[in-house]
């Protein structure tokens, strides 16, 4: 029993060391409203726009205060010692990766299946635009007199999306029409209502989107069979349900938490907590997967959920399932 306790302590210690040294962002991403003041954040944001949605990636770093990791100088020494032990073990069995040790640590606590629920981001993780946004804006807009090039449309879209939206504390309210009317007219210089409606309805169809991972359906079936509950968590307007239905994947999920319906947008922890409530699980029993470090990873961790960055820590839903402990 004592050896198992030492092993778990060593595993946890190495995981903490790996996070603070190699992956310094812990869980305090929403610093303006939710994070601990002792954790300074310095971020630079690069934005990539796809269709009627903005996928925002924030590259940043944070430094946890000593009190977050060590309760005293003696515990600091013990942490260092445990880390050395775990490191030597990890280099032989798990390649020395902290995340591998963390999975082993969770299995020691929760059993073979490490999470009771999987939360999935929509745009950029579950689905991606079928064609570039600027291309569609121009193609449909030609008959309405849009003359801007695709590059001009993209640049204007980025500028418009980056401006404060003062008509509401949320961008996506109900069907999101006021916000998207502003984005479309700013991006193309065209305020024709028929043009907007054609674009708006286009992005509610299966022509506008495709699944990110073609094997997703089989993986989600295996997860649900193993007892893992599934939910979509997305900053989107109410068209998201139409999009998922059009792609014939809405029935894959036990719940859908849309910011326009929840009245909270990621990284606000409220939307993650709502998803967990809908699934009937505690936040610590759920893991969220998304492609945006700020909105998905920091937001989910602020809510108390585990979180993995799509395209970096995981690259397919099969890999997600395997990490949870479900073989596909």
C-alpha atoms as a PDB file:
ATOM      1  CA  UNK A   1       0.000   0.000   0.000  1.00  0.00           C
ATOM      2  CA  UNK A   2       2.814   2.379   0.909  1.00  0.00           C
ATOM      3  CA  UNK A   3       4.638   1.684  -2.357  1.00  0.00           C
ATOM      4  CA  UNK A   4       1.464   2.469  -4.321  1.00  0.00           C
ATOM      5  CA  UNK A   5       1.035   5.736  -2.437  1.00  0.00           C
ATOM      6  CA  UNK A   6       4.641   6.675  -3.177  1.00  0.00           C
ATOM      7  CA  UNK A   7       4.130   5.814  -6.829  1.00  0.00           C
ATOM      8  CA  UNK A   8       1.024   7.983  -7.088  1.00  0.00           C
ATOM      9  CA  UNK A   9       2.812  10.823  -5.307  1.00  0.00           C
ATOM     10  CA  UNK A  10       5.719  10.597  -7.708  1.00  0.00           C
ATOM     11  CA  UNK A  11       3.432  10.517 -10.712  1.00  0.00           C
ATOM     12  CA  UNK A  12       1.539  13.581  -9.516  1.00  0.00           C
ATOM     13  CA  UNK A  13       4.761  15.410  -8.770  1.00  0.00           C
ATOM     14  CA  UNK A  14       6.185  14.814 -12.230  1.00  0.00           C
ATOM     15  CA  UNK A  15       2.937  15.893 -13.839  1.00  0.00           C
ATOM     16  CA  UNK A  16       3.021  19.183 -11.948  1.00  0.00           C
ATOM     17  CA  UNK A  17       6.658  19.715 -12.842  1.00  0.00           C
ATOM     18  CA  UNK A  18       5.949  18.965 -16.500  1.00  0.00           C
ATOM     19  CA  UNK A  19       3.100  21.471 -16.560  1.00  0.00           C
ATOM     20  CA  UNK A  20       5.031  24.268 -14.902  1.00  0.00           C
ATOM     21  CA  UNK A  21       8.258  23.755 -16.863  1.00  0.00           C
ATOM     22  CA  UNK A  22       7.137  22.553 -20.301  1.00  0.00           C
ATOM     23  CA  UNK A  23       3.469  23.490 -20.444  1.00  0.00           C
ATOM     24  CA  UNK A  24       3.298  26.499 -18.116  1.00  0.00           C
ATOM     25  CA  UNK A  25      -0.358  27.339 -18.645  1.00  0.00           C
ATOM     26  CA  UNK A  26      -2.279  25.602 -15.868  1.00  0.00           C
ATOM     27  CA  UNK A  27      -5.960  26.462 -15.654  1.00  0.00           C
ATOM     28  CA  UNK A  28      -6.221  30.190 -15.041  1.00  0.00           C
ATOM     29  CA  UNK A  29      -6.899  31.369 -18.539  1.00  0.00           C
ATOM     30  CA  UNK A  30      -9.854  33.664 -18.044  1.00  0.00           C
ATOM     31  CA  UNK A  31      -7.731  36.086 -16.039  1.00  0.00           C
ATOM     32  CA  UNK A  32      -9.983  39.143 -16.367  1.00  0.00           C
ATOM     33  CA  UNK A  33     -12.819  37.562 -14.440  1.00  0.00           C
ATOM     34  CA  UNK A  34     -11.951  34.187 -13.017  1.00  0.00           C
ATOM     35  CA  UNK A  35      -8.247  33.593 -12.464  1.00  0.00           C
ATOM     36  CA  UNK A  36      -6.043  33.825  -9.423  1.00  0.00           C
ATOM     37  CA  UNK A  37      -4.302  37.195  -9.277  1.00  0.00           C
ATOM     38  CA  UNK A  38      -1.045  35.485  -8.351  1.00  0.00           C
ATOM     39  CA  UNK A  39      -0.756  34.019 -11.830  1.00  0.00           C
ATOM     40  CA  UNK A  40       0.354  36.631 -14.379  1.00  0.00           C
ATOM     41  CA  UNK A  41      -0.479  35.938 -17.992  1.00  0.00           C
ATOM     42  CA  UNK A  42       1.170  37.347 -21.068  1.00  0.00           C
ATOM     43  CA  UNK A  43      -0.596  36.510 -24.317  1.00  0.00           C
ATOM     44  CA  UNK A  44      -0.354  37.264 -27.975  1.00  0.00           C
ATOM     45  CA  UNK A  45      -3.316  36.399 -30.111  1.00  0.00           C
ATOM     46  CA  UNK A  46      -3.402  35.198 -33.663  1.00  0.00           C
ATOM     47  CA  UNK A  47      -6.827  34.902 -35.249  1.00  0.00           C
ATOM     48  CA  UNK A  48      -7.809  32.693 -38.115  1.00  0.00           C
ATOM     49  CA  UNK A  49     -11.271  33.185 -39.545  1.00  0.00           C
ATOM     50  CA  UNK A  50     -13.223  30.408 -41.175  1.00  0.00           C
ATOM     51  CA  UNK A  51     -16.581  31.231 -42.737  1.00  0.00           C
ATOM     52  CA  UNK A  52     -19.058  32.834 -40.401  1.00  0.00           C
ATOM     53  CA  UNK A  53     -17.061  31.825 -37.343  1.00  0.00           C
ATOM     54  CA  UNK A  54     -13.822  33.015 -35.825  1.00  0.00           C
ATOM     55  CA  UNK A  55     -11.372  30.436 -34.593  1.00  0.00           C
ATOM     56  CA  UNK A  56      -9.096  32.231 -32.160  1.00  0.00           C
ATOM     57  CA  UNK A  57      -5.827  30.747 -31.021  1.00  0.00           C
ATOM     58  CA  UNK A  58      -4.012  32.403 -28.160  1.00  0.00           C
ATOM     59  CA  UNK A  59      -0.317  31.687 -27.690  1.00  0.00           C
ATOM     60  CA  UNK A  60       0.630  32.576 -24.150  1.00  0.00           C
ATOM     61  CA  UNK A  61       2.443  31.652 -21.008  1.00  0.00           C
ATOM     62  CA  UNK A  62       1.718  31.881 -17.321  1.00  0.00           C
ATOM     63  CA  UNK A  63       3.694  31.312 -14.144  1.00  0.00           C
ATOM     64  CA  UNK A  64       2.117  29.697 -11.131  1.00  0.00           C
ATOM     65  CA  UNK A  65       3.024  31.099  -7.733  1.00  0.00           C
ATOM     66  CA  UNK A  66       4.936  28.895  -5.334  1.00  0.00           C
ATOM     67  CA  UNK A  67       1.958  28.585  -3.012  1.00  0.00           C
ATOM     68  CA  UNK A  68      -0.022  26.889  -5.769  1.00  0.00           C
ATOM     69  CA  UNK A  69       2.464  24.015  -5.919  1.00  0.00           C
ATOM     70  CA  UNK A  70       4.121  23.891  -2.492  1.00  0.00           C
ATOM     71  CA  UNK A  71       2.592  24.390   0.919  1.00  0.00           C
ATOM     72  CA  UNK A  72       5.998  24.711   2.586  1.00  0.00           C
ATOM     73  CA  UNK A  73       9.716  24.488   1.884  1.00  0.00           C
ATOM     74  CA  UNK A  74       9.766  20.898   3.106  1.00  0.00           C
ATOM     75  CA  UNK A  75       6.977  19.881   0.720  1.00  0.00           C
ATOM     76  CA  UNK A  76       8.980  21.545  -2.055  1.00  0.00           C
ATOM     77  CA  UNK A  77      11.934  19.278  -1.327  1.00  0.00           C
ATOM     78  CA  UNK A  78       9.645  16.235  -1.259  1.00  0.00           C
ATOM     79  CA  UNK A  79       8.128  17.279  -4.583  1.00  0.00           C
ATOM     80  CA  UNK A  80      11.578  17.561  -6.122  1.00  0.00           C
ATOM     81  CA  UNK A  81      12.601  14.170  -4.783  1.00  0.00           C
ATOM     82  CA  UNK A  82       9.406  12.509  -5.991  1.00  0.00           C
ATOM     83  CA  UNK A  83       9.859  14.122  -9.385  1.00  0.00           C
ATOM     84  CA  UNK A  84      13.332  12.618  -9.746  1.00  0.00           C
ATOM     85  CA  UNK A  85      11.985   9.166  -8.900  1.00  0.00           C
ATOM     86  CA  UNK A  86       9.067   9.490 -11.300  1.00  0.00           C
ATOM     87  CA  UNK A  87      11.321  10.866 -14.024  1.00  0.00           C
ATOM     88  CA  UNK A  88      13.608   7.859 -13.885  1.00  0.00           C
ATOM     89  CA  UNK A  89      10.630   5.514 -14.075  1.00  0.00           C
ATOM     90  CA  UNK A  90       8.978   7.505 -16.816  1.00  0.00           C
ATOM     91  CA  UNK A  91      11.999   7.470 -19.084  1.00  0.00           C
ATOM     92  CA  UNK A  92      11.821   3.698 -19.182  1.00  0.00           C
ATOM     93  CA  UNK A  93       8.109   3.010 -19.412  1.00  0.00           C
ATOM     94  CA  UNK A  94       6.297   6.084 -20.661  1.00  0.00           C
ATOM     95  CA  UNK A  95       8.862   8.109 -22.509  1.00  0.00           C
ATOM     96  CA  UNK A  96       8.972  10.594 -19.639  1.00  0.00           C
ATOM     97  CA  UNK A  97       5.860  12.477 -20.776  1.00  0.00           C
ATOM     98  CA  UNK A  98       3.930  14.137 -17.944  1.00  0.00           C
ATOM     99  CA  UNK A  99       0.578  13.582 -19.633  1.00  0.00           C
ATOM    100  CA  UNK A 100       1.217   9.822 -19.732  1.00  0.00           C
ATOM    101  CA  UNK A 101       1.882   9.867 -16.000  1.00  0.00           C
ATOM    102  CA  UNK A 102      -1.219  11.972 -15.425  1.00  0.00           C
ATOM    103  CA  UNK A 103      -3.345   9.388 -17.231  1.00  0.00           C
ATOM    104  CA  UNK A 104      -1.838   6.676 -15.046  1.00  0.00           C
ATOM    105  CA  UNK A 105      -2.531   8.830 -12.005  1.00  0.00           C
ATOM    106  CA  UNK A 106      -6.196   9.259 -12.984  1.00  0.00           C
ATOM    107  CA  UNK A 107      -6.562   5.532 -13.592  1.00  0.00           C
ATOM    108  CA  UNK A 108      -5.248   4.880 -10.088  1.00  0.00           C
ATOM    109  CA  UNK A 109      -8.089   7.056  -8.794  1.00  0.00           C
ATOM    110  CA  UNK A 110     -10.965   6.439 -11.220  1.00  0.00           C
ATOM    111  CA  UNK A 111     -10.264   3.059 -12.758  1.00  0.00           C
ATOM    112  CA  UNK A 112      -9.545   2.074 -16.350  1.00  0.00           C
ATOM    113  CA  UNK A 113     -11.933   4.668 -17.804  1.00  0.00           C
ATOM    114  CA  UNK A 114     -10.597   8.024 -16.613  1.00  0.00           C
ATOM    115  CA  UNK A 115     -13.535  10.304 -17.480  1.00  0.00           C
ATOM    116  CA  UNK A 116     -17.285   9.887 -17.335  1.00  0.00           C
ATOM    117  CA  UNK A 117     -17.977  12.555 -19.962  1.00  0.00           C
ATOM    118  CA  UNK A 118     -16.407  14.034 -23.096  1.00  0.00           C
ATOM    119  CA  UNK A 119     -17.154  17.635 -24.077  1.00  0.00           C
ATOM    120  CA  UNK A 120     -16.363  18.568 -27.664  1.00  0.00           C
ATOM    121  CA  UNK A 121     -15.877  21.984 -29.276  1.00  0.00           C
ATOM    122  CA  UNK A 122     -17.769  22.446 -32.554  1.00  0.00           C
ATOM    123  CA  UNK A 123     -16.002  24.649 -35.128  1.00  0.00           C
ATOM    124  CA  UNK A 124     -12.373  23.684 -35.591  1.00  0.00           C
ATOM    125  CA  UNK A 125     -12.682  20.389 -33.690  1.00  0.00           C
ATOM    126  CA  UNK A 126     -15.873  18.532 -34.598  1.00  0.00           C
ATOM    127  CA  UNK A 127     -16.593  20.389 -37.839  1.00  0.00           C
ATOM    128  CA  UNK A 128     -14.674  22.709 -40.167  1.00  0.00           C
ATOM    129  CA  UNK A 129     -15.798  24.930 -43.052  1.00  0.00           C
ATOM    130  CA  UNK A 130     -16.005  23.088 -46.367  1.00  0.00           C
ATOM    131  CA  UNK A 131     -14.624  26.101 -48.248  1.00  0.00           C
ATOM    132  CA  UNK A 132     -12.804  29.298 -47.178  1.00  0.00           C
ATOM    133  CA  UNK A 133     -15.110  31.983 -45.829  1.00  0.00           C
ATOM    134  CA  UNK A 134     -13.824  34.768 -48.116  1.00  0.00           C
ATOM    135  CA  UNK A 135     -14.352  32.569 -51.170  1.00  0.00           C
ATOM    136  CA  UNK A 136     -18.009  31.990 -50.294  1.00  0.00           C
ATOM    137  CA  UNK A 137     -18.650  35.609 -49.348  1.00  0.00           C
ATOM    138  CA  UNK A 138     -17.310  36.711 -52.745  1.00  0.00           C
ATOM    139  CA  UNK A 139     -18.908  33.933 -54.800  1.00  0.00           C
ATOM    140  CA  UNK A 140     -22.406  34.521 -53.445  1.00  0.00           C
ATOM    141  CA  UNK A 141     -21.863  38.264 -53.337  1.00  0.00           C
ATOM    142  CA  UNK A 142     -20.933  38.746 -56.991  1.00  0.00           C
ATOM    143  CA  UNK A 143     -24.568  38.903 -58.083  1.00  0.00           C
ATOM    144  CA  UNK A 144     -25.190  41.510 -55.380  1.00  0.00           C
ATOM    145  CA  UNK A 145     -22.356  43.751 -56.521  1.00  0.00           C
ATOM    146  CA  UNK A 146     -19.580  42.675 -54.153  1.00  0.00           C
ATOM    147  CA  UNK A 147     -16.286  43.680 -55.762  1.00  0.00           C
ATOM    148  CA  UNK A 148     -13.735  43.117 -53.004  1.00  0.00           C
ATOM    149  CA  UNK A 149     -11.128  40.396 -53.547  1.00  0.00           C
ATOM    150  CA  UNK A 150     -10.994  37.402 -51.237  1.00  0.00           C
ATOM    151  CA  UNK A 151      -7.961  38.844 -49.456  1.00  0.00           C
ATOM    152  CA  UNK A 152      -9.762  42.153 -48.912  1.00  0.00           C
ATOM    153  CA  UNK A 153     -12.848  40.367 -47.596  1.00  0.00           C
ATOM    154  CA  UNK A 154     -10.737  38.287 -45.210  1.00  0.00           C
ATOM    155  CA  UNK A 155      -8.848  41.314 -43.880  1.00  0.00           C
ATOM    156  CA  UNK A 156     -12.038  43.299 -43.401  1.00  0.00           C
ATOM    157  CA  UNK A 157     -13.670  40.299 -41.692  1.00  0.00           C
ATOM    158  CA  UNK A 158     -10.773  40.077 -39.255  1.00  0.00           C
ATOM    159  CA  UNK A 159     -10.991  43.762 -38.491  1.00  0.00           C
ATOM    160  CA  UNK A 160     -14.770  43.686 -37.964  1.00  0.00           C
ATOM    161  CA  UNK A 161     -14.666  40.599 -35.769  1.00  0.00           C
ATOM    162  CA  UNK A 162     -12.001  42.192 -33.604  1.00  0.00           C
ATOM    163  CA  UNK A 163     -14.100  45.264 -32.825  1.00  0.00           C
ATOM    164  CA  UNK A 164     -16.069  45.507 -29.565  1.00  0.00           C
ATOM    165  CA  UNK A 165     -19.658  44.387 -30.001  1.00  0.00           C
ATOM    166  CA  UNK A 166     -21.556  46.907 -27.908  1.00  0.00           C
ATOM    167  CA  UNK A 167     -25.150  45.877 -28.632  1.00  0.00           C
ATOM    168  CA  UNK A 168     -24.943  42.963 -26.209  1.00  0.00           C
ATOM    169  CA  UNK A 169     -22.482  41.391 -23.808  1.00  0.00           C
ATOM    170  CA  UNK A 170     -22.670  38.364 -26.110  1.00  0.00           C
ATOM    171  CA  UNK A 171     -21.966  38.205 -29.832  1.00  0.00           C
ATOM    172  CA  UNK A 172     -24.291  35.285 -30.407  1.00  0.00           C
ATOM    173  CA  UNK A 173     -27.769  36.042 -29.084  1.00  0.00           C
ATOM    174  CA  UNK A 174     -30.556  33.768 -30.304  1.00  0.00           C
ATOM    175  CA  UNK A 175     -30.101  33.454 -34.084  1.00  0.00           C
ATOM    176  CA  UNK A 176     -27.189  35.920 -34.091  1.00  0.00           C
ATOM    177  CA  UNK A 177     -28.562  37.936 -36.996  1.00  0.00           C
ATOM    178  CA  UNK A 178     -27.632  41.469 -35.811  1.00  0.00           C
ATOM    179  CA  UNK A 179     -24.031  40.455 -35.198  1.00  0.00           C
ATOM    180  CA  UNK A 180     -23.658  38.626 -38.517  1.00  0.00           C
ATOM    181  CA  UNK A 181     -25.323  41.422 -40.462  1.00  0.00           C
ATOM    182  CA  UNK A 182     -22.637  43.733 -39.106  1.00  0.00           C
ATOM    183  CA  UNK A 183     -19.875  41.238 -39.988  1.00  0.00           C
ATOM    184  CA  UNK A 184     -21.113  40.599 -43.537  1.00  0.00           C
ATOM    185  CA  UNK A 185     -21.642  44.266 -44.420  1.00  0.00           C
ATOM    186  CA  UNK A 186     -18.282  45.237 -42.901  1.00  0.00           C
ATOM    187  CA  UNK A 187     -16.477  42.422 -44.720  1.00  0.00           C
ATOM    188  CA  UNK A 188     -17.989  42.962 -48.167  1.00  0.00           C
ATOM    189  CA  UNK A 189     -19.285  46.523 -48.231  1.00  0.00           C
ATOM    190  CA  UNK A 190     -22.694  45.140 -49.179  1.00  0.00           C
ATOM    191  CA  UNK A 191     -25.741  45.735 -46.962  1.00  0.00           C
ATOM    192  CA  UNK A 192     -28.272  44.059 -49.267  1.00  0.00           C
ATOM    193  CA  UNK A 193     -30.663  42.107 -47.049  1.00  0.00           C
ATOM    194  CA  UNK A 194     -31.166  39.379 -49.661  1.00  0.00           C
ATOM    195  CA  UNK A 195     -27.419  38.846 -49.880  1.00  0.00           C
ATOM    196  CA  UNK A 196     -27.186  38.514 -46.112  1.00  0.00           C
ATOM    197  CA  UNK A 197     -30.079  36.060 -45.911  1.00  0.00           C
ATOM    198  CA  UNK A 198     -28.594  33.862 -48.633  1.00  0.00           C
ATOM    199  CA  UNK A 199     -25.253  33.747 -46.816  1.00  0.00           C
ATOM    200  CA  UNK A 200     -26.884  33.258 -43.440  1.00  0.00           C
ATOM    201  CA  UNK A 201     -28.954  30.275 -44.582  1.00  0.00           C
ATOM    202  CA  UNK A 202     -26.014  28.781 -46.487  1.00  0.00           C
ATOM    203  CA  UNK A 203     -24.101  28.405 -43.222  1.00  0.00           C
ATOM    204  CA  UNK A 204     -26.911  26.361 -41.743  1.00  0.00           C
ATOM    205  CA  UNK A 205     -26.564  23.642 -44.409  1.00  0.00           C
ATOM    206  CA  UNK A 206     -24.317  20.631 -44.926  1.00  0.00           C
ATOM    207  CA  UNK A 207     -22.773  22.364 -47.959  1.00  0.00           C
ATOM    208  CA  UNK A 208     -20.976  24.804 -45.680  1.00  0.00           C
ATOM    209  CA  UNK A 209     -19.410  22.299 -43.284  1.00  0.00           C
ATOM    210  CA  UNK A 210     -17.663  18.949 -43.107  1.00  0.00           C
ATOM    211  CA  UNK A 211     -16.604  16.682 -40.258  1.00  0.00           C
ATOM    212  CA  UNK A 212     -13.060  17.191 -39.008  1.00  0.00           C
ATOM    213  CA  UNK A 213     -12.495  13.496 -38.283  1.00  0.00           C
ATOM    214  CA  UNK A 214     -14.185  11.010 -40.666  1.00  0.00           C
ATOM    215  CA  UNK A 215     -13.918   8.281 -37.994  1.00  0.00           C
ATOM    216  CA  UNK A 216     -15.749  10.329 -35.373  1.00  0.00           C
ATOM    217  CA  UNK A 217     -19.050   8.441 -35.525  1.00  0.00           C
ATOM    218  CA  UNK A 218     -17.524   5.043 -34.769  1.00  0.00           C
ATOM    219  CA  UNK A 219     -15.455   6.476 -31.928  1.00  0.00           C
ATOM    220  CA  UNK A 220     -18.406   8.230 -30.320  1.00  0.00           C
ATOM    221  CA  UNK A 221     -20.478   5.044 -30.515  1.00  0.00           C
ATOM    222  CA  UNK A 222     -17.713   3.142 -28.715  1.00  0.00           C
ATOM    223  CA  UNK A 223     -17.469   5.833 -26.041  1.00  0.00           C
ATOM    224  CA  UNK A 224     -21.198   5.820 -25.374  1.00  0.00           C
ATOM    225  CA  UNK A 225     -21.221   2.019 -25.278  1.00  0.00           C
ATOM    226  CA  UNK A 226     -18.520   2.224 -22.605  1.00  0.00           C
ATOM    227  CA  UNK A 227     -20.715   4.564 -20.574  1.00  0.00           C
ATOM    228  CA  UNK A 228     -19.025   7.859 -21.463  1.00  0.00           C
ATOM    229  CA  UNK A 229     -21.508  10.692 -21.997  1.00  0.00           C
ATOM    230  CA  UNK A 230     -20.990  13.176 -24.841  1.00  0.00           C
ATOM    231  CA  UNK A 231     -21.803  16.847 -25.292  1.00  0.00           C
ATOM    232  CA  UNK A 232     -21.008  19.628 -27.748  1.00  0.00           C
ATOM    233  CA  UNK A 233     -19.875  22.908 -26.149  1.00  0.00           C
ATOM    234  CA  UNK A 234     -19.754  25.760 -28.646  1.00  0.00           C
ATOM    235  CA  UNK A 235     -19.724  29.528 -29.097  1.00  0.00           C
ATOM    236  CA  UNK A 236     -22.379  29.648 -31.814  1.00  0.00           C
ATOM    237  CA  UNK A 237     -25.848  30.954 -32.528  1.00  0.00           C
ATOM    238  CA  UNK A 238     -28.939  28.769 -32.642  1.00  0.00           C
ATOM    239  CA  UNK A 239     -28.084  27.508 -36.140  1.00  0.00           C
ATOM    240  CA  UNK A 240     -25.652  25.023 -34.612  1.00  0.00           C
ATOM    241  CA  UNK A 241     -28.421  22.496 -34.046  1.00  0.00           C
ATOM    242  CA  UNK A 242     -29.434  22.826 -37.707  1.00  0.00           C
ATOM    243  CA  UNK A 243     -25.815  22.322 -38.792  1.00  0.00           C
ATOM    244  CA  UNK A 244     -25.377  19.178 -36.695  1.00  0.00           C
ATOM    245  CA  UNK A 245     -28.703  17.838 -37.932  1.00  0.00           C
ATOM    246  CA  UNK A 246     -27.739  18.553 -41.545  1.00  0.00           C
ATOM    247  CA  UNK A 247     -24.477  16.645 -41.049  1.00  0.00           C
ATOM    248  CA  UNK A 248     -26.470  13.817 -39.423  1.00  0.00           C
ATOM    249  CA  UNK A 249     -24.390  13.892 -36.251  1.00  0.00           C
ATOM    250  CA  UNK A 250     -26.699  15.551 -33.726  1.00  0.00           C
ATOM    251  CA  UNK A 251     -27.796  12.150 -32.405  1.00  0.00           C
ATOM    252  CA  UNK A 252     -24.203  11.283 -31.472  1.00  0.00           C
ATOM    253  CA  UNK A 253     -24.477  13.519 -28.416  1.00  0.00           C
ATOM    254  CA  UNK A 254     -26.380  13.386 -25.152  1.00  0.00           C
ATOM    255  CA  UNK A 255     -26.435  17.178 -24.850  1.00  0.00           C
ATOM    256  CA  UNK A 256     -25.590  20.354 -26.762  1.00  0.00           C
ATOM    257  CA  UNK A 257     -24.539  23.522 -24.927  1.00  0.00           C
ATOM    258  CA  UNK A 258     -24.698  26.509 -27.297  1.00  0.00           C
ATOM    259  CA  UNK A 259     -23.561  29.913 -26.093  1.00  0.00           C
ATOM    260  CA  UNK A 260     -26.589  31.643 -27.635  1.00  0.00           C
ATOM    261  CA  UNK A 261     -28.882  29.452 -25.516  1.00  0.00           C
ATOM    262  CA  UNK A 262     -26.793  29.320 -22.345  1.00  0.00           C
ATOM    263  CA  UNK A 263     -26.131  33.110 -22.441  1.00  0.00           C
ATOM    264  CA  UNK A 264     -22.429  32.543 -21.788  1.00  0.00           C
ATOM    265  CA  UNK A 265     -19.534  32.258 -24.223  1.00  0.00           C
ATOM    266  CA  UNK A 266     -16.284  30.378 -23.772  1.00  0.00           C
ATOM    267  CA  UNK A 267     -13.965  30.874 -21.940  1.00  0.00           C
ATOM    268  CA  UNK A 268     -16.648  31.695 -19.359  1.00  0.00           C
ATOM    269  CA  UNK A 269     -16.810  28.550 -17.166  1.00  0.00           C
ATOM    270  CA  UNK A 270     -20.619  28.827 -17.068  1.00  0.00           C
ATOM    271  CA  UNK A 271     -21.063  27.123 -20.437  1.00  0.00           C
ATOM    272  CA  UNK A 272     -18.903  24.153 -19.392  1.00  0.00           C
ATOM    273  CA  UNK A 273     -20.745  23.855 -16.083  1.00  0.00           C
ATOM    274  CA  UNK A 274     -24.049  23.899 -17.980  1.00  0.00           C
ATOM    275  CA  UNK A 275     -22.856  21.059 -20.229  1.00  0.00           C
ATOM    276  CA  UNK A 276     -21.892  19.004 -17.175  1.00  0.00           C
ATOM    277  CA  UNK A 277     -25.276  19.740 -15.615  1.00  0.00           C
ATOM    278  CA  UNK A 278     -27.065  18.570 -18.750  1.00  0.00           C
ATOM    279  CA  UNK A 279     -25.037  15.339 -18.698  1.00  0.00           C
ATOM    280  CA  UNK A 280     -25.475  14.813 -14.963  1.00  0.00           C
ATOM    281  CA  UNK A 281     -21.741  14.677 -14.205  1.00  0.00           C
ATOM    282  CA  UNK A 282     -19.360  16.654 -12.015  1.00  0.00           C
ATOM    283  CA  UNK A 283     -16.857  18.922 -13.810  1.00  0.00           C
ATOM    284  CA  UNK A 284     -13.907  16.916 -12.515  1.00  0.00           C
ATOM    285  CA  UNK A 285     -15.355  13.825 -14.210  1.00  0.00           C
ATOM    286  CA  UNK A 286     -15.366  15.485 -17.652  1.00  0.00           C
ATOM    287  CA  UNK A 287     -12.690  16.247 -20.223  1.00  0.00           C
ATOM    288  CA  UNK A 288     -13.129  18.917 -22.878  1.00  0.00           C
ATOM    289  CA  UNK A 289     -11.433  18.782 -26.286  1.00  0.00           C
ATOM    290  CA  UNK A 290     -11.071  21.916 -28.403  1.00  0.00           C
ATOM    291  CA  UNK A 291      -8.671  23.741 -30.718  1.00  0.00           C
ATOM    292  CA  UNK A 292      -8.522  27.100 -28.920  1.00  0.00           C
ATOM    293  CA  UNK A 293      -6.157  27.362 -25.958  1.00  0.00           C
ATOM    294  CA  UNK A 294      -7.907  30.350 -24.388  1.00  0.00           C
ATOM    295  CA  UNK A 295     -11.546  29.502 -25.020  1.00  0.00           C
ATOM    296  CA  UNK A 296     -11.380  25.723 -24.749  1.00  0.00           C
ATOM    297  CA  UNK A 297      -8.453  24.795 -22.529  1.00  0.00           C
ATOM    298  CA  UNK A 298      -8.319  27.665 -20.069  1.00  0.00           C
ATOM    299  CA  UNK A 299     -12.105  27.975 -19.950  1.00  0.00           C
ATOM    300  CA  UNK A 300     -12.665  24.268 -19.278  1.00  0.00           C
ATOM    301  CA  UNK A 301      -9.990  24.156 -16.590  1.00  0.00           C
ATOM    302  CA  UNK A 302     -11.463  27.214 -14.887  1.00  0.00           C
ATOM    303  CA  UNK A 303     -14.713  25.237 -14.702  1.00  0.00           C
ATOM    304  CA  UNK A 304     -12.897  22.320 -13.055  1.00  0.00           C
ATOM    305  CA  UNK A 305     -12.841  20.066 -16.128  1.00  0.00           C
ATOM    306  CA  UNK A 306      -9.856  18.341 -17.630  1.00  0.00           C
ATOM    307  CA  UNK A 307      -8.932  19.666 -21.106  1.00  0.00           C
ATOM    308  CA  UNK A 308      -6.885  18.547 -24.118  1.00  0.00           C
ATOM    309  CA  UNK A 309      -5.868  20.805 -26.993  1.00  0.00           C
ATOM    310  CA  UNK A 310      -7.021  19.503 -30.384  1.00  0.00           C
ATOM    311  CA  UNK A 311      -4.239  19.455 -32.967  1.00  0.00           C
ATOM    312  CA  UNK A 312      -1.539  19.503 -30.287  1.00  0.00           C
ATOM    313  CA  UNK A 313      -2.229  17.094 -27.421  1.00  0.00           C
ATOM    314  CA  UNK A 314      -4.718  14.996 -29.400  1.00  0.00           C
ATOM    315  CA  UNK A 315      -5.131  14.713 -33.171  1.00  0.00           C
ATOM    316  CA  UNK A 316      -8.112  12.388 -33.613  1.00  0.00           C
ATOM    317  CA  UNK A 317     -11.123  11.240 -31.645  1.00  0.00           C
ATOM    318  CA  UNK A 318      -9.683   7.732 -31.616  1.00  0.00           C
ATOM    319  CA  UNK A 319      -6.717   9.123 -29.706  1.00  0.00           C
ATOM    320  CA  UNK A 320      -9.128  10.918 -27.350  1.00  0.00           C
ATOM    321  CA  UNK A 321     -10.980   7.661 -26.686  1.00  0.00           C
ATOM    322  CA  UNK A 322      -7.748   5.775 -26.025  1.00  0.00           C
ATOM    323  CA  UNK A 323      -6.638   8.380 -23.507  1.00  0.00           C
ATOM    324  CA  UNK A 324      -9.985   8.057 -21.739  1.00  0.00           C
ATOM    325  CA  UNK A 325      -9.427   4.308 -21.653  1.00  0.00           C
ATOM    326  CA  UNK A 326     -11.802   3.135 -24.390  1.00  0.00           C
ATOM    327  CA  UNK A 327     -10.340   1.060 -27.206  1.00  0.00           C
ATOM    328  CA  UNK A 328     -11.863   1.541 -30.633  1.00  0.00           C
END
